[in-house]
């Protein structure tokens, strides 16, 4: 895996963080995570078709998927 230098800044009083990296580093990270693979791209196309066809539902928690 490529060495990535990123900057992480925690926000106070919130449960948020800010992550900064340049575009080249982001592409290396995406490639390492498999975001350019054929299987991942096919699953994105299928998800877009499902979304356009209205076959989605919004959830607030992963616990809702058990129902």
PDB file of N, CA and C in Angstrom:
ATOM      1  N   UNK A   1       0.844  -1.163   0.000  1.00  0.00           N
ATOM      2  CA  UNK A   1       0.000   0.000   0.000  1.00  0.00           C
ATOM      3  C   UNK A   1       0.898   1.238   0.000  1.00  0.00           C
ATOM      4  N   UNK A   2       0.486   2.258  -0.689  1.00  0.00           N
ATOM      5  CA  UNK A   2       1.268   3.473  -0.810  1.00  0.00           C
ATOM      6  C   UNK A   2       1.275   4.246   0.503  1.00  0.00           C
ATOM      7  N   UNK A   3       2.375   4.956   0.729  1.00  0.00           N
ATOM      8  CA  UNK A   3       2.477   5.812   1.899  1.00  0.00           C
ATOM      9  C   UNK A   3       1.694   7.091   1.631  1.00  0.00           C
ATOM     10  N   UNK A   4       0.696   7.377   2.458  1.00  0.00           N
ATOM     11  CA  UNK A   4      -0.153   8.547   2.269  1.00  0.00           C
ATOM     12  C   UNK A   4       0.069   9.537   3.401  1.00  0.00           C
ATOM     13  N   UNK A   5       0.361  10.770   3.044  1.00  0.00           N
ATOM     14  CA  UNK A   5       0.424  11.793   4.083  1.00  0.00           C
ATOM     15  C   UNK A   5      -0.844  12.623   3.986  1.00  0.00           C
ATOM     16  N   UNK A   6      -1.616  12.586   5.055  1.00  0.00           N
ATOM     17  CA  UNK A   6      -2.869  13.323   5.101  1.00  0.00           C
ATOM     18  C   UNK A   6      -2.897  14.143   6.384  1.00  0.00           C
ATOM     19  N   UNK A   7      -3.736  15.140   6.406  1.00  0.00           N
ATOM     20  CA  UNK A   7      -3.871  15.987   7.574  1.00  0.00           C
ATOM     21  C   UNK A   7      -5.266  15.791   8.151  1.00  0.00           C
ATOM     22  N   UNK A   8      -5.326  15.452   9.419  1.00  0.00           N
ATOM     23  CA  UNK A   8      -6.601  15.225  10.099  1.00  0.00           C
ATOM     24  C   UNK A   8      -6.722  16.258  11.208  1.00  0.00           C
ATOM     25  N   UNK A   9      -7.792  17.035  11.147  1.00  0.00           N
ATOM     26  CA  UNK A   9      -8.031  18.079  12.131  1.00  0.00           C
ATOM     27  C   UNK A   9      -9.335  17.786  12.862  1.00  0.00           C
ATOM     28  N   UNK A  10      -9.275  17.501  14.167  1.00  0.00           N
ATOM     29  CA  UNK A  10     -10.526  17.268  14.901  1.00  0.00           C
ATOM     30  C   UNK A  10     -11.252  18.588  15.164  1.00  0.00           C
ATOM     31  N   UNK A  11     -12.558  18.550  15.080  1.00  0.00           N
ATOM     32  CA  UNK A  11     -13.385  19.710  15.397  1.00  0.00           C
ATOM     33  C   UNK A  11     -13.811  19.598  16.863  1.00  0.00           C
ATOM     34  N   UNK A  12     -13.810  20.709  17.554  1.00  0.00           N
ATOM     35  CA  UNK A  12     -14.201  20.683  18.959  1.00  0.00           C
ATOM     36  C   UNK A  12     -15.716  20.677  19.092  1.00  0.00           C
ATOM     37  N   UNK A  13     -16.192  20.011  20.121  1.00  0.00           N
ATOM     38  CA  UNK A  13     -17.606  19.904  20.477  1.00  0.00           C
ATOM     39  C   UNK A  13     -18.456  19.187  19.439  1.00  0.00           C
ATOM     40  N   UNK A  14     -17.892  18.699  18.404  1.00  0.00           N
ATOM     41  CA  UNK A  14     -18.635  17.958  17.386  1.00  0.00           C
ATOM     42  C   UNK A  14     -17.958  16.625  17.172  1.00  0.00           C
ATOM     43  N   UNK A  15     -18.698  15.719  16.619  1.00  0.00           N
ATOM     44  CA  UNK A  15     -18.128  14.410  16.310  1.00  0.00           C
ATOM     45  C   UNK A  15     -17.735  14.385  14.849  1.00  0.00           C
ATOM     46  N   UNK A  16     -17.003  15.403  14.431  1.00  0.00           N
ATOM     47  CA  UNK A  16     -16.570  15.510  13.046  1.00  0.00           C
ATOM     48  C   UNK A  16     -15.071  15.720  12.995  1.00  0.00           C
ATOM     49  N   UNK A  17     -14.484  15.281  11.891  1.00  0.00           N
ATOM     50  CA  UNK A  17     -13.078  15.552  11.632  1.00  0.00           C
ATOM     51  C   UNK A  17     -12.952  16.054  10.204  1.00  0.00           C
ATOM     52  N   UNK A  18     -11.911  16.769   9.940  1.00  0.00           N
ATOM     53  CA  UNK A  18     -11.622  17.275   8.607  1.00  0.00           C
ATOM     54  C   UNK A  18     -10.369  16.570   8.108  1.00  0.00           C
ATOM     55  N   UNK A  19     -10.471  15.930   6.950  1.00  0.00           N
ATOM     56  CA  UNK A  19      -9.341  15.211   6.364  1.00  0.00           C
ATOM     57  C   UNK A  19      -8.956  15.911   5.074  1.00  0.00           C
ATOM     58  N   UNK A  20      -7.701  16.303   4.978  1.00  0.00           N
ATOM     59  CA  UNK A  20      -7.214  16.977   3.783  1.00  0.00           C
ATOM     60  C   UNK A  20      -6.117  16.152   3.121  1.00  0.00           C
ATOM     61  N   UNK A  21      -6.208  16.036   1.793  1.00  0.00           N
ATOM     62  CA  UNK A  21      -5.160  15.391   1.004  1.00  0.00           C
ATOM     63  C   UNK A  21      -5.260  15.912  -0.415  1.00  0.00           C
ATOM     64  N   UNK A  22      -4.182  15.822  -1.160  1.00  0.00           N
ATOM     65  CA  UNK A  22      -4.237  16.302  -2.547  1.00  0.00           C
ATOM     66  C   UNK A  22      -4.842  15.229  -3.449  1.00  0.00           C
ATOM     67  N   UNK A  23      -5.173  15.605  -4.671  1.00  0.00           N
ATOM     68  CA  UNK A  23      -5.870  14.711  -5.600  1.00  0.00           C
ATOM     69  C   UNK A  23      -5.051  13.462  -5.922  1.00  0.00           C
ATOM     70  N   UNK A  24      -3.742  13.605  -6.067  1.00  0.00           N
ATOM     71  CA  UNK A  24      -2.900  12.452  -6.374  1.00  0.00           C
ATOM     72  C   UNK A  24      -2.937  11.427  -5.241  1.00  0.00           C
ATOM     73  N   UNK A  25      -2.866  11.911  -4.030  1.00  0.00           N
ATOM     74  CA  UNK A  25      -2.913  11.005  -2.875  1.00  0.00           C
ATOM     75  C   UNK A  25      -4.291  10.343  -2.769  1.00  0.00           C
ATOM     76  N   UNK A  26      -5.342  11.101  -3.060  1.00  0.00           N
ATOM     77  CA  UNK A  26      -6.692  10.536  -3.011  1.00  0.00           C
ATOM     78  C   UNK A  26      -6.846   9.421  -4.043  1.00  0.00           C
ATOM     79  N   UNK A  27      -6.304   9.612  -5.244  1.00  0.00           N
ATOM     80  CA  UNK A  27      -6.373   8.566  -6.268  1.00  0.00           C
ATOM     81  C   UNK A  27      -5.622   7.323  -5.823  1.00  0.00           C
ATOM     82  N   UNK A  28      -4.471   7.483  -5.166  1.00  0.00           N
ATOM     83  CA  UNK A  28      -3.723   6.332  -4.660  1.00  0.00           C
ATOM     84  C   UNK A  28      -4.523   5.591  -3.596  1.00  0.00           C
ATOM     85  N   UNK A  29      -5.182   6.357  -2.716  1.00  0.00           N
ATOM     86  CA  UNK A  29      -6.007   5.748  -1.682  1.00  0.00           C
ATOM     87  C   UNK A  29      -7.186   4.994  -2.299  1.00  0.00           C
ATOM     88  N   UNK A  30      -7.850   5.610  -3.269  1.00  0.00           N
ATOM     89  CA  UNK A  30      -8.985   4.971  -3.933  1.00  0.00           C
ATOM     90  C   UNK A  30      -8.557   3.682  -4.643  1.00  0.00           C
ATOM     91  N   UNK A  31      -7.414   3.710  -5.281  1.00  0.00           N
ATOM     92  CA  UNK A  31      -6.906   2.519  -5.957  1.00  0.00           C
ATOM     93  C   UNK A  31      -6.576   1.420  -4.943  1.00  0.00           C
ATOM     94  N   UNK A  32      -6.011   1.800  -3.802  1.00  0.00           N
ATOM     95  CA  UNK A  32      -5.679   0.824  -2.768  1.00  0.00           C
ATOM     96  C   UNK A  32      -6.933   0.182  -2.187  1.00  0.00           C
ATOM     97  N   UNK A  33      -8.021   0.940  -2.115  1.00  0.00           N
ATOM     98  CA  UNK A  33      -9.278   0.420  -1.582  1.00  0.00           C
ATOM     99  C   UNK A  33     -10.106  -0.318  -2.630  1.00  0.00           C
ATOM    100  N   UNK A  34      -9.666  -0.309  -3.879  1.00  0.00           N
ATOM    101  CA  UNK A  34     -10.342  -1.055  -4.929  1.00  0.00           C
ATOM    102  C   UNK A  34     -11.474  -0.309  -5.605  1.00  0.00           C
ATOM    103  N   UNK A  35     -11.480   1.016  -5.524  1.00  0.00           N
ATOM    104  CA  UNK A  35     -12.564   1.796  -6.109  1.00  0.00           C
ATOM    105  C   UNK A  35     -12.515   1.866  -7.631  1.00  0.00           C
ATOM    106  N   UNK A  36     -11.452   1.398  -8.242  1.00  0.00           N
ATOM    107  CA  UNK A  36     -11.356   1.401  -9.699  1.00  0.00           C
ATOM    108  C   UNK A  36     -11.530   0.004 -10.283  1.00  0.00           C
ATOM    109  N   UNK A  37     -11.855  -0.962  -9.445  1.00  0.00           N
ATOM    110  CA  UNK A  37     -12.030  -2.337  -9.900  1.00  0.00           C
ATOM    111  C   UNK A  37     -13.337  -2.534 -10.652  1.00  0.00           C
ATOM    112  N   UNK A  38     -13.368  -3.516 -11.538  1.00  0.00           N
ATOM    113  CA  UNK A  38     -14.558  -3.797 -12.350  1.00  0.00           C
ATOM    114  C   UNK A  38     -15.780  -4.138 -11.499  1.00  0.00           C
ATOM    115  N   UNK A  39     -15.577  -4.953 -10.469  1.00  0.00           N
ATOM    116  CA  UNK A  39     -16.707  -5.337  -9.616  1.00  0.00           C
ATOM    117  C   UNK A  39     -17.314  -4.125  -8.917  1.00  0.00           C
ATOM    118  N   UNK A  40     -16.466  -3.239  -8.423  1.00  0.00           N
ATOM    119  CA  UNK A  40     -16.962  -2.056  -7.730  1.00  0.00           C
ATOM    120  C   UNK A  40     -17.707  -1.139  -8.697  1.00  0.00           C
ATOM    121  N   UNK A  41     -17.172  -0.945  -9.888  1.00  0.00           N
ATOM    122  CA  UNK A  41     -17.826  -0.071 -10.867  1.00  0.00           C
ATOM    123  C   UNK A  41     -19.166  -0.651 -11.323  1.00  0.00           C
ATOM    124  N   UNK A  42     -19.236  -1.981 -11.467  1.00  0.00           N
ATOM    125  CA  UNK A  42     -20.507  -2.617 -11.825  1.00  0.00           C
ATOM    126  C   UNK A  42     -21.536  -2.448 -10.720  1.00  0.00           C
ATOM    127  N   UNK A  43     -21.100  -2.549  -9.464  1.00  0.00           N
ATOM    128  CA  UNK A  43     -22.040  -2.373  -8.358  1.00  0.00           C
ATOM    129  C   UNK A  43     -22.540  -0.934  -8.284  1.00  0.00           C
ATOM    130  N   UNK A  44     -21.705   0.030  -8.656  1.00  0.00           N
ATOM    131  CA  UNK A  44     -22.163   1.420  -8.711  1.00  0.00           C
ATOM    132  C   UNK A  44     -23.218   1.619  -9.789  1.00  0.00           C
ATOM    133  N   UNK A  45     -22.999   1.015 -10.959  1.00  0.00           N
ATOM    134  CA  UNK A  45     -23.983   1.119 -12.042  1.00  0.00           C
ATOM    135  C   UNK A  45     -25.321   0.504 -11.621  1.00  0.00           C
ATOM    136  N   UNK A  46     -25.269  -0.643 -10.951  1.00  0.00           N
ATOM    137  CA  UNK A  46     -26.498  -1.294 -10.491  1.00  0.00           C
ATOM    138  C   UNK A  46     -27.206  -0.432  -9.448  1.00  0.00           C
ATOM    139  N   UNK A  47     -26.432   0.167  -8.549  1.00  0.00           N
ATOM    140  CA  UNK A  47     -27.022   1.027  -7.525  1.00  0.00           C
ATOM    141  C   UNK A  47     -27.685   2.251  -8.142  1.00  0.00           C
ATOM    142  N   UNK A  48     -27.074   2.822  -9.172  1.00  0.00           N
ATOM    143  CA  UNK A  48     -27.675   3.972  -9.853  1.00  0.00           C
ATOM    144  C   UNK A  48     -28.992   3.584 -10.524  1.00  0.00           C
ATOM    145  N   UNK A  49     -29.035   2.406 -11.135  1.00  0.00           N
ATOM    146  CA  UNK A  49     -30.275   1.943 -11.768  1.00  0.00           C
ATOM    147  C   UNK A  49     -31.364   1.724 -10.723  1.00  0.00           C
ATOM    148  N   UNK A  50     -31.002   1.131  -9.595  1.00  0.00           N
ATOM    149  CA  UNK A  50     -31.974   0.921  -8.516  1.00  0.00           C
ATOM    150  C   UNK A  50     -32.495   2.252  -7.984  1.00  0.00           C
ATOM    151  N   UNK A  51     -31.615   3.215  -7.851  1.00  0.00           N
ATOM    152  CA  UNK A  51     -32.012   4.522  -7.345  1.00  0.00           C
ATOM    153  C   UNK A  51     -32.983   5.210  -8.310  1.00  0.00           C
ATOM    154  N   UNK A  52     -32.656   5.165  -9.594  1.00  0.00           N
ATOM    155  CA  UNK A  52     -33.519   5.800 -10.595  1.00  0.00           C
ATOM    156  C   UNK A  52     -34.870   5.099 -10.698  1.00  0.00           C
ATOM    157  N   UNK A  53     -34.898   3.796 -10.446  1.00  0.00           N
ATOM    158  CA  UNK A  53     -36.143   3.034 -10.517  1.00  0.00           C
ATOM    159  C   UNK A  53     -36.957   3.143  -9.220  1.00  0.00           C
ATOM    160  N   UNK A  54     -36.415   3.791  -8.193  1.00  0.00           N
ATOM    161  CA  UNK A  54     -37.144   3.964  -6.944  1.00  0.00           C
ATOM    162  C   UNK A  54     -37.096   2.772  -6.019  1.00  0.00           C
ATOM    163  N   UNK A  55     -36.148   1.873  -6.212  1.00  0.00           N
ATOM    164  CA  UNK A  55     -36.037   0.677  -5.376  1.00  0.00           C
ATOM    165  C   UNK A  55     -35.078   0.902  -4.202  1.00  0.00           C
ATOM    166  N   UNK A  56     -35.218   2.018  -3.526  1.00  0.00           N
ATOM    167  CA  UNK A  56     -34.368   2.313  -2.377  1.00  0.00           C
ATOM    168  C   UNK A  56     -35.242   2.713  -1.204  1.00  0.00           C
ATOM    169  N   UNK A  57     -34.665   2.679  -0.024  1.00  0.00           N
ATOM    170  CA  UNK A  57     -35.330   3.220   1.153  1.00  0.00           C
ATOM    171  C   UNK A  57     -34.259   3.834   2.037  1.00  0.00           C
ATOM    172  N   UNK A  58     -34.623   4.907   2.687  1.00  0.00           N
ATOM    173  CA  UNK A  58     -33.678   5.590   3.555  1.00  0.00           C
ATOM    174  C   UNK A  58     -33.694   4.938   4.928  1.00  0.00           C
ATOM    175  N   UNK A  59     -32.509   4.803   5.500  1.00  0.00           N
ATOM    176  CA  UNK A  59     -32.389   4.249   6.840  1.00  0.00           C
ATOM    177  C   UNK A  59     -31.629   5.250   7.704  1.00  0.00           C
ATOM    178  N   UNK A  60     -31.888   5.204   8.983  1.00  0.00           N
ATOM    179  CA  UNK A  60     -31.170   6.072   9.921  1.00  0.00           C
ATOM    180  C   UNK A  60     -30.075   5.320  10.649  1.00  0.00           C
ATOM    181  N   UNK A  61     -30.178   4.010  10.677  1.00  0.00           N
ATOM    182  CA  UNK A  61     -29.226   3.192  11.415  1.00  0.00           C
ATOM    183  C   UNK A  61     -29.083   1.845  10.715  1.00  0.00           C
ATOM    184  N   UNK A  62     -27.943   1.226  10.894  1.00  0.00           N
ATOM    185  CA  UNK A  62     -27.722  -0.111  10.333  1.00  0.00           C
ATOM    186  C   UNK A  62     -28.603  -1.147  11.023  1.00  0.00           C
ATOM    187  N   UNK A  63     -29.096  -0.838  12.218  1.00  0.00           N
ATOM    188  CA  UNK A  63     -29.990  -1.750  12.928  1.00  0.00           C
ATOM    189  C   UNK A  63     -31.292  -1.953  12.151  1.00  0.00           C
ATOM    190  N   UNK A  64     -31.710  -0.963  11.373  1.00  0.00           N
ATOM    191  CA  UNK A  64     -32.939  -1.078  10.594  1.00  0.00           C
ATOM    192  C   UNK A  64     -32.841  -2.156   9.519  1.00  0.00           C
ATOM    193  N   UNK A  65     -31.647  -2.519   9.114  1.00  0.00           N
ATOM    194  CA  UNK A  65     -31.478  -3.542   8.083  1.00  0.00           C
ATOM    195  C   UNK A  65     -31.807  -4.936   8.602  1.00  0.00           C
ATOM    196  N   UNK A  66     -31.814  -5.126   9.909  1.00  0.00           N
ATOM    197  CA  UNK A  66     -32.146  -6.427  10.486  1.00  0.00           C
ATOM    198  C   UNK A  66     -33.616  -6.760  10.372  1.00  0.00           C
ATOM    199  N   UNK A  67     -34.452  -5.741  10.257  1.00  0.00           N
ATOM    200  CA  UNK A  67     -35.910  -5.947  10.235  1.00  0.00           C
ATOM    201  C   UNK A  67     -36.363  -6.581   8.960  1.00  0.00           C
TER     202      UNK A  67
END
